[in-house]
């Protein structure tokens, strides 16, 4: 299953995706790219079958102005879910994270042989 380009370019879309079933989705490539109004956590999205998250949030910042809440929650949930796929290339757009998100991000990017998930993450960095 693919959600490639599903909401891409929807400049007014800002709805929760909490009830979106994604456990069987393999590609979320460009799923929310350039969704400039989207300010929601992706913490409930299952990445169990994911193989492609490239450019998922390209041109997007999922945090409300001056916060890191949504991106932190997303990183923490994905890091804590044992079903989250390994070796993914994820683009978090310009979303920034706090110290809480940093811990989760470090785990996601840690090499598989070292106990991490082996991800490559591009995002807005630490606040």
Protein backbone atom coordinates (compact mmCIF):
# COMPACT_ATOMS: atom_id res chain seq x y z
CA UNK A 1 0.00 0.00 0.00
CA UNK A 2 1.15 3.50 -0.76
CA UNK A 3 0.24 6.91 0.61
CA UNK A 4 2.75 8.59 -1.68
CA UNK A 5 1.73 12.22 -2.32
CA UNK A 6 -1.54 11.65 -0.40
CA UNK A 7 -1.79 15.15 1.11
CA UNK A 8 1.12 16.72 -0.75
CA UNK A 9 0.63 20.39 -1.46
CA UNK A 10 -2.56 20.70 0.60
CA UNK A 11 -1.78 24.12 2.01
CA UNK A 12 -4.92 24.29 4.17
CA UNK A 13 -4.98 20.71 5.50
CA UNK A 14 -4.60 20.51 9.31
CA UNK A 15 -6.56 17.47 10.51
CA UNK A 16 -5.47 14.78 12.93
CA UNK A 17 -4.27 11.53 11.36
CA UNK A 18 -4.74 9.64 14.63
CA UNK A 19 -7.31 7.25 13.16
CA UNK A 20 -5.46 6.59 9.92
CA UNK A 21 -4.50 2.90 9.74
CA UNK A 22 -0.96 2.65 8.35
CA UNK A 23 0.35 -0.72 9.60
CA UNK A 24 0.35 -2.13 6.04
CA UNK A 25 1.57 1.02 4.28
CA UNK A 26 4.99 0.70 2.67
CA UNK A 27 5.43 4.16 1.12
CA UNK A 28 4.69 7.51 2.72
CA UNK A 29 7.00 9.31 0.31
CA UNK A 30 6.03 13.00 -0.02
CA UNK A 31 2.86 12.19 1.96
CA UNK A 32 2.61 15.62 3.61
CA UNK A 33 5.19 17.56 1.64
CA UNK A 34 4.44 21.28 1.31
CA UNK A 35 1.44 21.04 3.67
CA UNK A 36 2.32 24.35 5.26
CA UNK A 37 -0.76 24.47 7.55
CA UNK A 38 -0.38 20.92 8.89
CA UNK A 39 0.41 21.16 12.64
CA UNK A 40 -0.27 17.67 13.99
CA UNK A 41 1.66 14.85 15.64
CA UNK A 42 2.27 11.71 13.59
CA UNK A 43 2.82 9.64 16.73
CA UNK A 44 -0.06 7.25 16.00
CA UNK A 45 1.13 6.31 12.51
CA UNK A 46 2.43 2.76 12.44
CA UNK A 47 5.65 2.30 10.51
CA UNK A 48 5.67 -1.49 10.81
CA UNK A 49 5.69 -2.07 7.03
CA UNK A 50 7.28 1.22 5.96
CA UNK A 51 10.09 1.13 3.44
CA UNK A 52 9.98 4.71 2.12
CA UNK A 53 9.53 7.91 4.15
CA UNK A 54 11.67 10.07 1.88
CA UNK A 55 10.51 13.67 1.60
CA UNK A 56 7.52 12.82 3.84
CA UNK A 57 7.42 16.27 5.46
CA UNK A 58 9.52 18.17 2.93
CA UNK A 59 8.61 21.88 3.11
CA UNK A 60 6.53 21.31 6.23
CA UNK A 61 6.87 22.06 9.95
CA UNK A 62 4.41 19.99 12.03
CA UNK A 63 4.97 22.08 15.17
CA UNK A 64 2.85 25.04 16.17
CA UNK A 65 4.86 28.27 16.17
CA UNK A 66 7.44 28.37 18.95
CA UNK A 67 6.94 24.74 20.02
CA UNK A 68 8.45 21.30 19.41
CA UNK A 69 5.51 19.33 20.83
CA UNK A 70 4.25 17.55 17.70
CA UNK A 71 7.63 16.57 16.32
CA UNK A 72 8.89 15.47 19.76
CA UNK A 73 5.79 13.28 20.23
CA UNK A 74 6.26 11.78 16.76
CA UNK A 75 9.92 10.91 17.30
CA UNK A 76 9.29 9.49 20.79
CA UNK A 77 6.38 7.31 19.65
CA UNK A 78 8.28 5.92 16.65
CA UNK A 79 11.39 5.25 18.74
CA UNK A 80 9.37 3.46 21.43
CA UNK A 81 7.39 1.27 19.02
CA UNK A 82 9.23 -2.06 18.61
CA UNK A 83 7.40 -2.60 15.29
CA UNK A 84 8.90 0.54 13.71
CA UNK A 85 10.85 -0.43 10.59
CA UNK A 86 14.63 -0.13 10.41
CA UNK A 87 16.93 1.61 7.91
CA UNK A 88 14.48 4.30 6.84
CA UNK A 89 15.30 7.63 5.22
CA UNK A 90 12.96 10.18 6.81
CA UNK A 91 12.55 13.85 6.01
CA UNK A 92 10.98 15.78 8.88
CA UNK A 93 10.92 19.03 6.92
CA UNK A 94 11.80 22.06 9.00
CA UNK A 95 10.31 20.58 12.19
CA UNK A 96 12.53 21.13 15.22
CA UNK A 97 12.91 18.97 18.33
CA UNK A 98 13.77 19.57 21.99
CA UNK A 99 15.97 17.51 24.32
CA UNK A 100 13.12 14.97 24.62
CA UNK A 101 12.97 14.53 20.86
CA UNK A 102 16.76 14.40 20.68
CA UNK A 103 16.87 11.21 22.77
CA UNK A 104 14.33 9.51 20.50
CA UNK A 105 16.01 10.82 17.35
CA UNK A 106 19.37 9.53 18.56
CA UNK A 107 17.88 6.06 19.01
CA UNK A 108 16.27 6.11 15.56
CA UNK A 109 19.55 7.14 13.90
CA UNK A 110 21.77 4.82 15.94
CA UNK A 111 23.20 1.96 13.88
CA UNK A 112 21.20 -1.27 13.96
CA UNK A 113 24.20 -3.23 15.25
CA UNK A 114 24.41 -0.78 18.15
CA UNK A 115 20.78 -1.29 19.15
CA UNK A 116 19.18 1.53 17.15
CA UNK A 117 16.98 1.63 14.06
CA UNK A 118 19.63 2.81 11.56
CA UNK A 119 17.58 5.69 10.15
CA UNK A 120 18.80 8.72 8.23
CA UNK A 121 16.85 11.80 9.33
CA UNK A 122 16.76 15.26 7.79
CA UNK A 123 14.86 17.91 9.76
CA UNK A 124 15.04 21.40 11.23
CA UNK A 125 17.36 20.37 14.05
CA UNK A 126 17.44 20.98 17.79
CA UNK A 127 15.93 24.18 19.21
